[in-house]
Amino acid sequence: MPCMLDVTHCVHLLVRSPQVIPRAPIQECRISSVVAGELYVGVQHSMESRRERNHAAVQDFLGAVSVLALDEQVAKTYADLCAGPQAPVRAIGANERWVLAHALALGLPLITCTPDRFAGIPGLATDNWIQAQASG
């Protein structure tokens, strides 16, 4: 089943973190163009000696997932989240709100490391693929 990845999950998948246990094949993963932008910002903030390698890794990752553009339906969903009668997301950053709106507009579960933050949002399904590391 298709799903929408947040930026944290993308980064963990990019670095092949052993903490991530995917519950869907990468071909079924979608990301918002907002997340793609955040990944490129991460590349720009990389140390110069790693920037080229990180850029190639991001491009490979973006070639494996579906990067979805924002459209009018996403914009309307964003407006409902920010200014609607419930406006449940005031404490959530703007980029995260766009990703949330994107998942809601498409009816996709949002794969996020903070599912509890979104518990009160009607119609949103969430999952967390990042497993806590056992402390030793």
C-alpha atoms as a PDB file:
ATOM      1  CA  MET A   1       0.000   0.000   0.000  1.00  0.00           C
ATOM      2  CA  PRO A   2       1.382   3.452  -0.884  1.00  0.00           C
ATOM      3  CA  CYS A   3       2.505   5.723   1.932  1.00  0.00           C
ATOM      4  CA  MET A   4       3.960   9.219   2.445  1.00  0.00           C
ATOM      5  CA  LEU A   5       7.390   9.429   4.109  1.00  0.00           C
ATOM      6  CA  ASP A   6       8.448  12.310   6.333  1.00  0.00           C
ATOM      7  CA  VAL A   7      11.937  13.764   6.007  1.00  0.00           C
ATOM      8  CA  THR A   8      13.273  11.903   9.053  1.00  0.00           C
ATOM      9  CA  HIS A   9      12.340   8.540   7.558  1.00  0.00           C
ATOM     10  CA  CYS A  10      13.901   9.557   4.236  1.00  0.00           C
ATOM     11  CA  VAL A  11      17.179  10.411   5.948  1.00  0.00           C
ATOM     12  CA  HIS A  12      17.185   7.122   7.874  1.00  0.00           C
ATOM     13  CA  LEU A  13      16.505   5.206   4.653  1.00  0.00           C
ATOM     14  CA  LEU A  14      19.230   7.169   2.831  1.00  0.00           C
ATOM     15  CA  VAL A  15      21.864   6.244   5.401  1.00  0.00           C
ATOM     16  CA  ARG A  16      20.503   2.699   5.659  1.00  0.00           C
ATOM     17  CA  SER A  17      19.914   3.048   9.382  1.00  0.00           C
ATOM     18  CA  PRO A  18      19.391  -0.308  11.096  1.00  0.00           C
ATOM     19  CA  GLN A  19      16.692   1.403  13.192  1.00  0.00           C
ATOM     20  CA  VAL A  20      14.348   1.575  10.179  1.00  0.00           C
ATOM     21  CA  ILE A  21      12.143  -1.394   9.510  1.00  0.00           C
ATOM     22  CA  PRO A  22      10.151  -0.564   6.341  1.00  0.00           C
ATOM     23  CA  ARG A  23       6.637  -1.950   6.139  1.00  0.00           C
ATOM     24  CA  ALA A  24       6.268  -1.197   2.419  1.00  0.00           C
ATOM     25  CA  PRO A  25       8.552  -1.604  -0.591  1.00  0.00           C
ATOM     26  CA  ILE A  26      10.409   1.554  -1.595  1.00  0.00           C
ATOM     27  CA  GLN A  27       8.483   1.599  -4.894  1.00  0.00           C
ATOM     28  CA  GLU A  28       5.273   2.209  -2.902  1.00  0.00           C
ATOM     29  CA  CYS A  29       6.765   5.120  -0.961  1.00  0.00           C
ATOM     30  CA  ARG A  30       5.813   8.648  -1.874  1.00  0.00           C
ATOM     31  CA  ILE A  31       7.368  11.889  -0.733  1.00  0.00           C
ATOM     32  CA  SER A  32       6.153  15.427  -1.041  1.00  0.00           C
ATOM     33  CA  SER A  33       8.201  17.816  -3.142  1.00  0.00           C
ATOM     34  CA  VAL A  34       8.554  19.714   0.152  1.00  0.00           C
ATOM     35  CA  VAL A  35      10.509  16.758   1.580  1.00  0.00           C
ATOM     36  CA  ALA A  36      12.649  16.569  -1.563  1.00  0.00           C
ATOM     37  CA  GLY A  37      13.493  20.231  -1.006  1.00  0.00           C
ATOM     38  CA  GLU A  38      14.451  19.548   2.596  1.00  0.00           C
ATOM     39  CA  LEU A  39      16.720  16.700   1.476  1.00  0.00           C
ATOM     40  CA  TYR A  40      18.474  19.054  -0.949  1.00  0.00           C
ATOM     41  CA  VAL A  41      18.874  21.617   1.843  1.00  0.00           C
ATOM     42  CA  GLY A  42      20.601  18.864   3.820  1.00  0.00           C
ATOM     43  CA  VAL A  43      22.970  18.297   0.903  1.00  0.00           C
ATOM     44  CA  GLN A  44      23.780  22.014   0.785  1.00  0.00           C
ATOM     45  CA  HIS A  45      24.560  21.959   4.511  1.00  0.00           C
ATOM     46  CA  SER A  46      26.862  18.954   4.109  1.00  0.00           C
ATOM     47  CA  MET A  47      30.566  19.331   4.589  1.00  0.00           C
ATOM     48  CA  GLU A  48      32.079  20.231   1.239  1.00  0.00           C
ATOM     49  CA  SER A  49      34.065  16.991   1.115  1.00  0.00           C
ATOM     50  CA  ARG A  50      30.800  14.977   1.313  1.00  0.00           C
ATOM     51  CA  ARG A  51      28.473  17.200  -0.688  1.00  0.00           C
ATOM     52  CA  GLU A  52      28.906  15.476  -4.057  1.00  0.00           C
ATOM     53  CA  ARG A  53      28.425  12.005  -2.559  1.00  0.00           C
ATOM     54  CA  ASN A  54      25.384  13.160  -0.555  1.00  0.00           C
ATOM     55  CA  HIS A  55      23.883  14.794  -3.638  1.00  0.00           C
ATOM     56  CA  ALA A  56      24.251  11.547  -5.596  1.00  0.00           C
ATOM     57  CA  ALA A  57      22.675   9.579  -2.730  1.00  0.00           C
ATOM     58  CA  VAL A  58      19.692  11.935  -2.605  1.00  0.00           C
ATOM     59  CA  GLN A  59      19.240  11.725  -6.373  1.00  0.00           C
ATOM     60  CA  ASP A  60      19.344   7.908  -6.233  1.00  0.00           C
ATOM     61  CA  PHE A  61      16.809   7.915  -3.408  1.00  0.00           C
ATOM     62  CA  LEU A  62      14.500  10.323  -5.242  1.00  0.00           C
ATOM     63  CA  GLY A  63      14.703   8.052  -8.284  1.00  0.00           C
ATOM     64  CA  ALA A  64      13.478   5.117  -6.188  1.00  0.00           C
ATOM     65  CA  VAL A  65      10.470   6.847  -4.602  1.00  0.00           C
ATOM     66  CA  SER A  66       7.695   8.859  -6.201  1.00  0.00           C
ATOM     67  CA  VAL A  67       8.156  12.590  -5.634  1.00  0.00           C
ATOM     68  CA  LEU A  68       4.749  14.240  -5.727  1.00  0.00           C
ATOM     69  CA  ALA A  69       4.150  17.883  -6.591  1.00  0.00           C
ATOM     70  CA  LEU A  70       1.842  20.106  -4.601  1.00  0.00           C
ATOM     71  CA  ASP A  71      -1.460  20.814  -6.307  1.00  0.00           C
ATOM     72  CA  GLU A  72      -4.675  22.734  -5.634  1.00  0.00           C
ATOM     73  CA  GLN A  73      -6.210  19.940  -3.546  1.00  0.00           C
ATOM     74  CA  VAL A  74      -3.124  19.870  -1.311  1.00  0.00           C
ATOM     75  CA  ALA A  75      -3.302  23.676  -1.020  1.00  0.00           C
ATOM     76  CA  LYS A  76      -6.963  23.505   0.053  1.00  0.00           C
ATOM     77  CA  THR A  77      -6.168  20.782   2.586  1.00  0.00           C
ATOM     78  CA  TYR A  78      -3.301  22.920   3.905  1.00  0.00           C
ATOM     79  CA  ALA A  79      -5.667  25.870   4.298  1.00  0.00           C
ATOM     80  CA  ASP A  80      -8.183  23.691   6.169  1.00  0.00           C
ATOM     81  CA  LEU A  81      -5.451  22.514   8.517  1.00  0.00           C
ATOM     82  CA  CYS A  82      -4.179  26.019   9.206  1.00  0.00           C
ATOM     83  CA  ALA A  83      -7.370  28.074   9.284  1.00  0.00           C
ATOM     84  CA  GLY A  84     -10.239  25.627   9.463  1.00  0.00           C
ATOM     85  CA  PRO A  85     -12.611  25.415  12.414  1.00  0.00           C
ATOM     86  CA  GLN A  86     -10.401  22.924  14.243  1.00  0.00           C
ATOM     87  CA  ALA A  87      -7.007  24.213  13.062  1.00  0.00           C
ATOM     88  CA  PRO A  88      -5.272  21.324  14.871  1.00  0.00           C
ATOM     89  CA  VAL A  89      -1.778  22.012  13.618  1.00  0.00           C
ATOM     90  CA  ARG A  90      -0.831  25.459  14.873  1.00  0.00           C
ATOM     91  CA  ALA A  91       2.158  24.100  16.813  1.00  0.00           C
ATOM     92  CA  ILE A  92       3.524  22.238  13.774  1.00  0.00           C
ATOM     93  CA  GLY A  93       6.072  23.886  11.463  1.00  0.00           C
ATOM     94  CA  ALA A  94       5.009  25.069   8.009  1.00  0.00           C
ATOM     95  CA  ASN A  95       6.955  22.473   5.994  1.00  0.00           C
ATOM     96  CA  GLU A  96       5.638  19.683   8.170  1.00  0.00           C
ATOM     97  CA  ARG A  97       2.097  21.044   7.680  1.00  0.00           C
ATOM     98  CA  TRP A  98       2.565  20.875   3.911  1.00  0.00           C
ATOM     99  CA  VAL A  99       3.666  17.237   4.133  1.00  0.00           C
ATOM    100  CA  LEU A 100       0.742  16.476   6.418  1.00  0.00           C
ATOM    101  CA  ALA A 101      -1.669  18.202   4.010  1.00  0.00           C
ATOM    102  CA  HIS A 102      -0.157  16.247   1.119  1.00  0.00           C
ATOM    103  CA  ALA A 103      -0.724  12.913   2.879  1.00  0.00           C
ATOM    104  CA  LEU A 104      -4.288  13.875   3.843  1.00  0.00           C
ATOM    105  CA  ALA A 105      -5.195  15.152   0.364  1.00  0.00           C
ATOM    106  CA  LEU A 106      -4.063  11.875  -1.187  1.00  0.00           C
ATOM    107  CA  GLY A 107      -5.457   9.645   1.559  1.00  0.00           C
ATOM    108  CA  LEU A 108      -2.011   8.199   2.268  1.00  0.00           C
ATOM    109  CA  PRO A 109      -0.726   7.132   5.668  1.00  0.00           C
ATOM    110  CA  LEU A 110       2.041   9.423   6.914  1.00  0.00           C
ATOM    111  CA  ILE A 111       5.175   7.591   7.973  1.00  0.00           C
ATOM    112  CA  THR A 112       6.550   9.760  10.768  1.00  0.00           C
ATOM    113  CA  CYS A 113       8.699   9.380  13.855  1.00  0.00           C
ATOM    114  CA  THR A 114       6.226  11.539  15.795  1.00  0.00           C
ATOM    115  CA  PRO A 115       2.808   9.959  15.192  1.00  0.00           C
ATOM    116  CA  ASP A 116       1.477  11.152  18.566  1.00  0.00           C
ATOM    117  CA  ARG A 117       1.735  14.785  17.383  1.00  0.00           C
ATOM    118  CA  PHE A 118      -0.853  14.028  14.708  1.00  0.00           C
ATOM    119  CA  ALA A 119      -3.236  11.873  16.763  1.00  0.00           C
ATOM    120  CA  GLY A 120      -6.008  14.486  16.772  1.00  0.00           C
ATOM    121  CA  ILE A 121      -6.102  15.048  13.023  1.00  0.00           C
ATOM    122  CA  PRO A 122      -9.248  13.519  11.521  1.00  0.00           C
ATOM    123  CA  GLY A 123      -8.702  11.160   8.614  1.00  0.00           C
ATOM    124  CA  LEU A 124      -4.944  10.795   9.059  1.00  0.00           C
ATOM    125  CA  ALA A 125      -3.355   7.382   9.463  1.00  0.00           C
ATOM    126  CA  THR A 126       0.234   7.264  10.709  1.00  0.00           C
ATOM    127  CA  ASP A 127       2.983   4.728  11.203  1.00  0.00           C
ATOM    128  CA  ASN A 128       6.531   4.859  12.540  1.00  0.00           C
ATOM    129  CA  TRP A 129       9.170   2.631  10.966  1.00  0.00           C
ATOM    130  CA  ILE A 130      11.978   3.806  13.227  1.00  0.00           C
ATOM    131  CA  GLN A 131      12.558   1.456  16.117  1.00  0.00           C
ATOM    132  CA  ALA A 132      14.045   2.736  19.353  1.00  0.00           C
ATOM    133  CA  GLN A 133      17.537   1.472  19.978  1.00  0.00           C
ATOM    134  CA  ALA A 134      17.929  -0.668  23.052  1.00  0.00           C
ATOM    135  CA  SER A 135      20.164   0.970  25.613  1.00  0.00           C
ATOM    136  CA  GLY A 136      22.932  -1.176  26.899  1.00  0.00           C
END
